[in-house]
């Protein structure tokens, strides 16, 4: 696997799938819309793989969201 650096081509691929919506929900905010990332199976898998690589061996037992 590639090391976790900004040179990792997966990071570039992921960034190209995140849509930026300027001035939403109000002027001055640059909203980062990840729905376009979620719709791309390869980019989404790369995102998950990078998280796993970054946190593997950190003794994380639970990941929760709301």
N, C-alpha and C. Protein backbone atom coordinates (compact mmCIF):
# COMPACT_ATOMS: atom_id res chain seq x y z
N UNK A 1 0.83 -1.20 0.00
CA UNK A 1 0.00 0.00 0.00
C UNK A 1 0.87 1.25 0.00
N UNK A 2 0.32 2.31 -0.51
CA UNK A 2 1.03 3.59 -0.52
C UNK A 2 1.11 4.15 0.89
N UNK A 3 2.17 4.87 1.16
CA UNK A 3 2.27 5.52 2.46
C UNK A 3 1.30 6.70 2.50
N UNK A 4 0.96 7.09 3.69
CA UNK A 4 -0.01 8.17 3.86
C UNK A 4 0.68 9.52 3.74
N UNK A 5 0.90 9.94 2.52
CA UNK A 5 1.49 11.25 2.26
C UNK A 5 0.62 11.98 1.26
N UNK A 6 0.85 13.26 1.13
CA UNK A 6 0.10 14.04 0.15
C UNK A 6 0.46 13.63 -1.27
N UNK A 7 1.52 12.85 -1.44
CA UNK A 7 1.90 12.35 -2.76
C UNK A 7 1.10 11.12 -3.16
N UNK A 8 0.31 10.57 -2.23
CA UNK A 8 -0.49 9.38 -2.50
C UNK A 8 -1.52 9.71 -3.57
N UNK A 9 -1.52 9.01 -4.70
CA UNK A 9 -2.46 9.33 -5.77
C UNK A 9 -3.92 9.15 -5.37
N UNK A 10 -4.17 8.33 -4.35
CA UNK A 10 -5.55 8.15 -3.89
C UNK A 10 -6.10 9.45 -3.31
N UNK A 11 -5.24 10.21 -2.63
CA UNK A 11 -5.69 11.48 -2.04
C UNK A 11 -6.10 12.45 -3.14
N UNK A 12 -5.32 12.53 -4.19
CA UNK A 12 -5.68 13.40 -5.31
C UNK A 12 -7.02 12.95 -5.91
N UNK A 13 -7.19 11.65 -6.10
CA UNK A 13 -8.44 11.13 -6.66
C UNK A 13 -9.64 11.46 -5.79
N UNK A 14 -9.46 11.36 -4.49
CA UNK A 14 -10.55 11.68 -3.55
C UNK A 14 -10.88 13.16 -3.62
N UNK A 15 -9.86 14.00 -3.62
CA UNK A 15 -10.09 15.45 -3.68
C UNK A 15 -10.86 15.86 -4.92
N UNK A 16 -10.61 15.18 -6.05
CA UNK A 16 -11.32 15.55 -7.28
C UNK A 16 -12.79 15.17 -7.23
N UNK A 17 -13.17 14.30 -6.31
CA UNK A 17 -14.56 13.86 -6.20
C UNK A 17 -15.37 14.68 -5.19
N UNK A 18 -14.72 15.57 -4.46
CA UNK A 18 -15.42 16.41 -3.48
C UNK A 18 -15.78 17.73 -4.15
N UNK A 19 -17.08 17.98 -4.24
CA UNK A 19 -17.58 19.18 -4.92
C UNK A 19 -17.58 20.34 -3.93
N UNK A 20 -17.05 21.47 -4.36
CA UNK A 20 -17.03 22.67 -3.52
C UNK A 20 -18.16 23.58 -3.98
N UNK A 21 -19.01 23.97 -3.02
CA UNK A 21 -20.13 24.87 -3.31
C UNK A 21 -19.84 26.19 -2.60
N UNK A 22 -19.40 27.21 -3.35
CA UNK A 22 -19.06 28.48 -2.71
C UNK A 22 -20.30 29.20 -2.17
N UNK A 23 -20.08 29.89 -1.06
CA UNK A 23 -21.12 30.74 -0.46
C UNK A 23 -22.37 29.96 -0.06
N UNK A 24 -22.18 28.74 0.42
CA UNK A 24 -23.31 27.95 0.91
C UNK A 24 -22.96 27.43 2.28
N UNK A 25 -23.81 27.57 3.24
CA UNK A 25 -25.17 28.09 3.21
C UNK A 25 -25.27 29.61 3.33
N UNK A 26 -24.09 30.26 3.47
CA UNK A 26 -24.12 31.72 3.52
C UNK A 26 -22.81 32.25 2.93
N UNK A 27 -22.77 33.51 2.57
CA UNK A 27 -21.57 34.08 1.96
C UNK A 27 -20.31 33.83 2.80
N UNK A 28 -19.25 33.47 2.11
CA UNK A 28 -17.98 33.24 2.78
C UNK A 28 -17.71 31.79 3.16
N UNK A 29 -18.73 30.94 3.10
CA UNK A 29 -18.57 29.52 3.43
C UNK A 29 -18.28 28.74 2.15
N UNK A 30 -17.27 27.88 2.19
CA UNK A 30 -16.97 26.98 1.07
C UNK A 30 -17.41 25.58 1.48
N UNK A 31 -18.64 25.22 1.16
CA UNK A 31 -19.22 23.93 1.55
C UNK A 31 -18.56 22.80 0.76
N UNK A 32 -18.12 21.77 1.45
CA UNK A 32 -17.49 20.61 0.83
C UNK A 32 -18.54 19.49 0.74
N UNK A 33 -19.06 19.26 -0.46
CA UNK A 33 -20.12 18.28 -0.68
C UNK A 33 -19.50 16.93 -1.02
N UNK A 34 -19.68 15.94 -0.13
CA UNK A 34 -19.08 14.63 -0.35
C UNK A 34 -20.02 13.65 -1.05
N UNK A 35 -21.23 14.07 -1.42
CA UNK A 35 -22.13 13.13 -2.09
C UNK A 35 -21.53 12.62 -3.39
N UNK A 36 -20.79 13.46 -4.09
CA UNK A 36 -20.14 13.02 -5.33
C UNK A 36 -19.05 11.98 -5.05
N UNK A 37 -18.42 12.07 -3.89
CA UNK A 37 -17.43 11.07 -3.47
C UNK A 37 -18.13 9.75 -3.16
N UNK A 38 -19.24 9.83 -2.44
CA UNK A 38 -19.96 8.61 -2.06
C UNK A 38 -20.51 7.86 -3.26
N UNK A 39 -20.77 8.56 -4.35
CA UNK A 39 -21.32 7.93 -5.55
C UNK A 39 -20.26 7.26 -6.42
N UNK A 40 -18.99 7.47 -6.10
CA UNK A 40 -17.89 6.88 -6.88
C UNK A 40 -17.30 5.71 -6.08
N UNK A 41 -17.58 4.47 -6.48
CA UNK A 41 -17.14 3.31 -5.69
C UNK A 41 -15.63 3.27 -5.43
N UNK A 42 -14.81 3.59 -6.43
CA UNK A 42 -13.36 3.53 -6.23
C UNK A 42 -12.89 4.61 -5.26
N UNK A 43 -13.36 5.82 -5.45
CA UNK A 43 -12.96 6.92 -4.56
C UNK A 43 -13.44 6.66 -3.13
N UNK A 44 -14.64 6.11 -2.98
CA UNK A 44 -15.16 5.81 -1.65
C UNK A 44 -14.32 4.71 -0.99
N UNK A 45 -13.98 3.67 -1.75
CA UNK A 45 -13.14 2.59 -1.22
C UNK A 45 -11.76 3.13 -0.83
N UNK A 46 -11.19 3.98 -1.67
CA UNK A 46 -9.89 4.58 -1.35
C UNK A 46 -9.97 5.38 -0.05
N UNK A 47 -11.07 6.08 0.16
CA UNK A 47 -11.26 6.86 1.39
C UNK A 47 -11.26 5.94 2.61
N UNK A 48 -12.03 4.86 2.52
CA UNK A 48 -12.09 3.90 3.63
C UNK A 48 -10.71 3.27 3.86
N UNK A 49 -10.05 2.86 2.78
CA UNK A 49 -8.72 2.25 2.91
C UNK A 49 -7.73 3.19 3.59
N UNK A 50 -7.77 4.48 3.24
CA UNK A 50 -6.86 5.44 3.87
C UNK A 50 -7.15 5.60 5.36
N UNK A 51 -8.43 5.60 5.73
CA UNK A 51 -8.77 5.66 7.16
C UNK A 51 -8.24 4.43 7.89
N UNK A 52 -8.44 3.26 7.30
CA UNK A 52 -7.97 2.02 7.92
C UNK A 52 -6.45 2.06 8.10
N UNK A 53 -5.74 2.45 7.05
CA UNK A 53 -4.28 2.51 7.13
C UNK A 53 -3.82 3.51 8.19
N UNK A 54 -4.51 4.63 8.27
CA UNK A 54 -4.10 5.67 9.22
C UNK A 54 -4.30 5.24 10.67
N UNK A 55 -5.40 4.54 10.94
CA UNK A 55 -5.75 4.24 12.33
C UNK A 55 -5.51 2.79 12.74
N UNK A 56 -4.99 1.97 11.82
CA UNK A 56 -4.69 0.58 12.15
C UNK A 56 -3.64 0.54 13.25
N UNK A 57 -3.86 -0.31 14.23
CA UNK A 57 -2.91 -0.45 15.33
C UNK A 57 -3.07 0.61 16.41
N UNK A 58 -4.12 1.42 16.35
CA UNK A 58 -4.33 2.48 17.34
C UNK A 58 -5.27 2.03 18.46
N UNK A 59 -5.62 0.74 18.49
CA UNK A 59 -6.49 0.18 19.52
C UNK A 59 -7.87 0.84 19.56
N UNK A 60 -8.39 1.19 18.40
CA UNK A 60 -9.75 1.74 18.32
C UNK A 60 -10.70 0.56 18.24
N UNK A 61 -11.65 0.49 19.17
CA UNK A 61 -12.57 -0.64 19.19
C UNK A 61 -13.96 -0.30 18.67
N UNK A 62 -14.32 0.99 18.66
CA UNK A 62 -15.65 1.39 18.23
C UNK A 62 -15.56 2.71 17.47
N UNK A 63 -16.32 2.80 16.38
CA UNK A 63 -16.48 4.06 15.66
C UNK A 63 -17.97 4.33 15.64
N UNK A 64 -18.38 5.50 16.11
CA UNK A 64 -19.81 5.82 16.19
C UNK A 64 -20.09 7.15 15.52
N UNK A 65 -21.29 7.30 15.07
CA UNK A 65 -21.71 8.55 14.44
C UNK A 65 -23.14 8.87 14.81
N UNK A 66 -23.53 10.07 14.52
CA UNK A 66 -24.89 10.48 14.83
C UNK A 66 -25.49 11.12 13.62
